[in-house]
Amino acid sequence: NAAFKFHGHSMSDPGTTYRNRDEIAAMRQTRDPIEFVKNLLLEHTDATEDELKAIEKDVRAEVAAACDRAKAGSPPSSIDELVGNIYLDAEGKDVPQPYIRMPDYEKSIRA
């Protein structure tokens, strides 16, 4: 099961030199991972289309708000917010990390 890149590797690689738009559109329709999971939920759980649309709307709003905060230069309210939910245990609970290496070593986070 090979991965399919919907976009090029960088700004200088638009991804259209080795894939045409029709191929990309076809892959999005047949192998989009979000649509795949959505269909699994609809087929194998009691989730409804309306419930999943509401969840997607909430997630999009949360992501948009986070992007707005980041673009405004707003720092996270706490280190816990910054490093939470990076590592989860088998039950899905957060596993705090004592050290997270940042690109700038001096800005690394130590618990």
C-alpha atoms as a PDB file:
ATOM      1  CA  ASN A   1       0.000   0.000   0.000  1.00  0.00           C
ATOM      2  CA  ALA A   2       1.984   2.957  -1.268  1.00  0.00           C
ATOM      3  CA  ALA A   3       1.391   6.461  -0.041  1.00  0.00           C
ATOM      4  CA  PHE A   4       0.047   9.000  -2.504  1.00  0.00           C
ATOM      5  CA  LYS A   5       1.182  12.617  -2.253  1.00  0.00           C
ATOM      6  CA  PHE A   6      -1.612  15.052  -3.105  1.00  0.00           C
ATOM      7  CA  HIS A   7       0.880  17.933  -3.277  1.00  0.00           C
ATOM      8  CA  GLY A   8       4.457  18.434  -4.414  1.00  0.00           C
ATOM      9  CA  HIS A   9       7.401  18.168  -2.035  1.00  0.00           C
ATOM     10  CA  SER A  10       8.052  21.917  -1.804  1.00  0.00           C
ATOM     11  CA  MET A  11       7.145  25.309  -3.237  1.00  0.00           C
ATOM     12  CA  SER A  12       9.460  24.625  -6.165  1.00  0.00           C
ATOM     13  CA  ASP A  13       7.704  21.300  -6.838  1.00  0.00           C
ATOM     14  CA  PRO A  14       4.024  21.876  -7.654  1.00  0.00           C
ATOM     15  CA  GLY A  15       3.515  18.140  -8.125  1.00  0.00           C
ATOM     16  CA  THR A  16       1.915  18.590 -11.535  1.00  0.00           C
ATOM     17  CA  THR A  17       4.988  17.577 -13.517  1.00  0.00           C
ATOM     18  CA  TYR A  18       4.618  13.880 -12.715  1.00  0.00           C
ATOM     19  CA  ARG A  19       0.847  13.678 -12.026  1.00  0.00           C
ATOM     20  CA  ASN A  20      -1.968  15.313 -13.926  1.00  0.00           C
ATOM     21  CA  ARG A  21      -4.940  16.963 -12.236  1.00  0.00           C
ATOM     22  CA  ASP A  22      -7.320  14.168 -13.273  1.00  0.00           C
ATOM     23  CA  GLU A  23      -5.156  11.543 -11.556  1.00  0.00           C
ATOM     24  CA  ILE A  24      -4.993  13.622  -8.374  1.00  0.00           C
ATOM     25  CA  ALA A  25      -8.767  14.198  -8.416  1.00  0.00           C
ATOM     26  CA  ALA A  26      -9.419  10.479  -8.933  1.00  0.00           C
ATOM     27  CA  MET A  27      -7.141   9.569  -6.021  1.00  0.00           C
ATOM     28  CA  ARG A  28      -8.864  12.109  -3.774  1.00  0.00           C
ATOM     29  CA  GLN A  29     -12.220  10.545  -4.587  1.00  0.00           C
ATOM     30  CA  THR A  30     -11.135   6.943  -4.102  1.00  0.00           C
ATOM     31  CA  ARG A  31      -8.291   6.996  -1.551  1.00  0.00           C
ATOM     32  CA  ASP A  32      -8.732  10.087   0.614  1.00  0.00           C
ATOM     33  CA  PRO A  33      -7.895   8.852   4.154  1.00  0.00           C
ATOM     34  CA  ILE A  34     -10.443  11.133   5.831  1.00  0.00           C
ATOM     35  CA  GLU A  35     -13.234   9.957   3.559  1.00  0.00           C
ATOM     36  CA  PHE A  36     -12.096   6.360   4.121  1.00  0.00           C
ATOM     37  CA  VAL A  37     -12.399   6.675   7.910  1.00  0.00           C
ATOM     38  CA  LYS A  38     -15.680   8.569   7.580  1.00  0.00           C
ATOM     39  CA  ASN A  39     -17.105   5.702   5.508  1.00  0.00           C
ATOM     40  CA  LEU A  40     -15.838   3.151   8.036  1.00  0.00           C
ATOM     41  CA  LEU A  41     -17.605   5.046  10.807  1.00  0.00           C
ATOM     42  CA  LEU A  42     -20.830   5.226   8.830  1.00  0.00           C
ATOM     43  CA  GLU A  43     -20.718   1.526   7.926  1.00  0.00           C
ATOM     44  CA  HIS A  44     -19.593   0.063  11.255  1.00  0.00           C
ATOM     45  CA  THR A  45     -20.916   2.382  13.985  1.00  0.00           C
ATOM     46  CA  ASP A  46     -24.117   4.208  14.837  1.00  0.00           C
ATOM     47  CA  ALA A  47     -22.609   7.502  13.651  1.00  0.00           C
ATOM     48  CA  THR A  48     -24.778   9.471  11.244  1.00  0.00           C
ATOM     49  CA  GLU A  49     -23.764  11.685   8.332  1.00  0.00           C
ATOM     50  CA  ASP A  50     -25.093  14.727  10.209  1.00  0.00           C
ATOM     51  CA  GLU A  51     -23.055  13.888  13.332  1.00  0.00           C
ATOM     52  CA  LEU A  52     -19.865  13.526  11.299  1.00  0.00           C
ATOM     53  CA  LYS A  53     -20.561  16.795   9.465  1.00  0.00           C
ATOM     54  CA  ALA A  54     -21.014  18.548  12.827  1.00  0.00           C
ATOM     55  CA  ILE A  55     -17.709  17.094  14.088  1.00  0.00           C
ATOM     56  CA  GLU A  56     -15.930  18.179  10.899  1.00  0.00           C
ATOM     57  CA  LYS A  57     -17.380  21.689  11.236  1.00  0.00           C
ATOM     58  CA  ASP A  58     -16.145  21.901  14.856  1.00  0.00           C
ATOM     59  CA  VAL A  59     -12.683  20.636  13.899  1.00  0.00           C
ATOM     60  CA  ARG A  60     -12.405  23.114  11.023  1.00  0.00           C
ATOM     61  CA  ALA A  61     -13.390  25.958  13.379  1.00  0.00           C
ATOM     62  CA  GLU A  62     -10.815  24.816  15.960  1.00  0.00           C
ATOM     63  CA  VAL A  63      -8.069  24.621  13.328  1.00  0.00           C
ATOM     64  CA  ALA A  64      -9.011  28.035  11.904  1.00  0.00           C
ATOM     65  CA  ALA A  65      -8.900  29.584  15.384  1.00  0.00           C
ATOM     66  CA  ALA A  66      -5.507  27.993  16.077  1.00  0.00           C
ATOM     67  CA  CYS A  67      -4.177  29.305  12.743  1.00  0.00           C
ATOM     68  CA  ASP A  68      -5.453  32.791  13.564  1.00  0.00           C
ATOM     69  CA  ARG A  69      -3.732  32.676  16.984  1.00  0.00           C
ATOM     70  CA  ALA A  70      -0.486  31.467  15.413  1.00  0.00           C
ATOM     71  CA  LYS A  71      -0.557  34.121  12.685  1.00  0.00           C
ATOM     72  CA  ALA A  72      -1.190  36.785  15.328  1.00  0.00           C
ATOM     73  CA  GLY A  73       1.913  35.614  17.191  1.00  0.00           C
ATOM     74  CA  SER A  74      -0.062  34.554  20.257  1.00  0.00           C
ATOM     75  CA  PRO A  75       2.020  32.277  22.482  1.00  0.00           C
ATOM     76  CA  PRO A  76       0.388  29.135  23.877  1.00  0.00           C
ATOM     77  CA  SER A  77      -1.324  29.699  27.200  1.00  0.00           C
ATOM     78  CA  SER A  78       0.951  27.090  28.824  1.00  0.00           C
ATOM     79  CA  ILE A  79       3.704  24.612  28.050  1.00  0.00           C
ATOM     80  CA  ASP A  80       1.134  21.866  28.702  1.00  0.00           C
ATOM     81  CA  GLU A  81      -0.971  23.184  25.816  1.00  0.00           C
ATOM     82  CA  LEU A  82       2.065  23.200  23.557  1.00  0.00           C
ATOM     83  CA  VAL A  83       3.238  19.660  24.291  1.00  0.00           C
ATOM     84  CA  GLY A  84      -0.054  17.920  25.085  1.00  0.00           C
ATOM     85  CA  ASN A  85      -1.375  15.048  22.994  1.00  0.00           C
ATOM     86  CA  ILE A  86       1.920  14.391  21.234  1.00  0.00           C
ATOM     87  CA  TYR A  87       2.386  10.954  22.745  1.00  0.00           C
ATOM     88  CA  LEU A  88      -0.588   8.843  23.851  1.00  0.00           C
ATOM     89  CA  ASP A  89      -0.668   5.522  25.642  1.00  0.00           C
ATOM     90  CA  ALA A  90      -2.694   2.497  24.500  1.00  0.00           C
ATOM     91  CA  GLU A  91      -5.845   3.933  26.101  1.00  0.00           C
ATOM     92  CA  GLY A  92      -5.407   7.288  24.370  1.00  0.00           C
ATOM     93  CA  LYS A  93      -4.292   9.165  27.474  1.00  0.00           C
ATOM     94  CA  ASP A  94      -1.637  11.835  27.230  1.00  0.00           C
ATOM     95  CA  VAL A  95       1.897  10.766  28.155  1.00  0.00           C
ATOM     96  CA  PRO A  96       3.852  13.879  29.193  1.00  0.00           C
ATOM     97  CA  GLN A  97       7.405  14.050  27.907  1.00  0.00           C
ATOM     98  CA  PRO A  98      10.191  15.351  30.154  1.00  0.00           C
ATOM     99  CA  TYR A  99      12.031  16.872  27.203  1.00  0.00           C
ATOM    100  CA  ILE A 100      11.063  18.014  23.722  1.00  0.00           C
ATOM    101  CA  ARG A 101      13.878  19.066  21.384  1.00  0.00           C
ATOM    102  CA  MET A 102      13.097  22.202  19.397  1.00  0.00           C
ATOM    103  CA  PRO A 103      14.919  23.271  16.204  1.00  0.00           C
ATOM    104  CA  ASP A 104      16.577  25.991  18.255  1.00  0.00           C
ATOM    105  CA  TYR A 105      18.209  24.006  21.073  1.00  0.00           C
ATOM    106  CA  GLU A 106      17.922  26.935  23.495  1.00  0.00           C
ATOM    107  CA  LYS A 107      14.127  26.890  23.074  1.00  0.00           C
ATOM    108  CA  SER A 108      13.822  23.192  23.897  1.00  0.00           C
ATOM    109  CA  ILE A 109      11.179  22.348  26.469  1.00  0.00           C
ATOM    110  CA  ARG A 110      12.158  20.625  29.673  1.00  0.00           C
ATOM    111  CA  ALA A 111       9.610  19.484  32.235  1.00  0.00           C
END
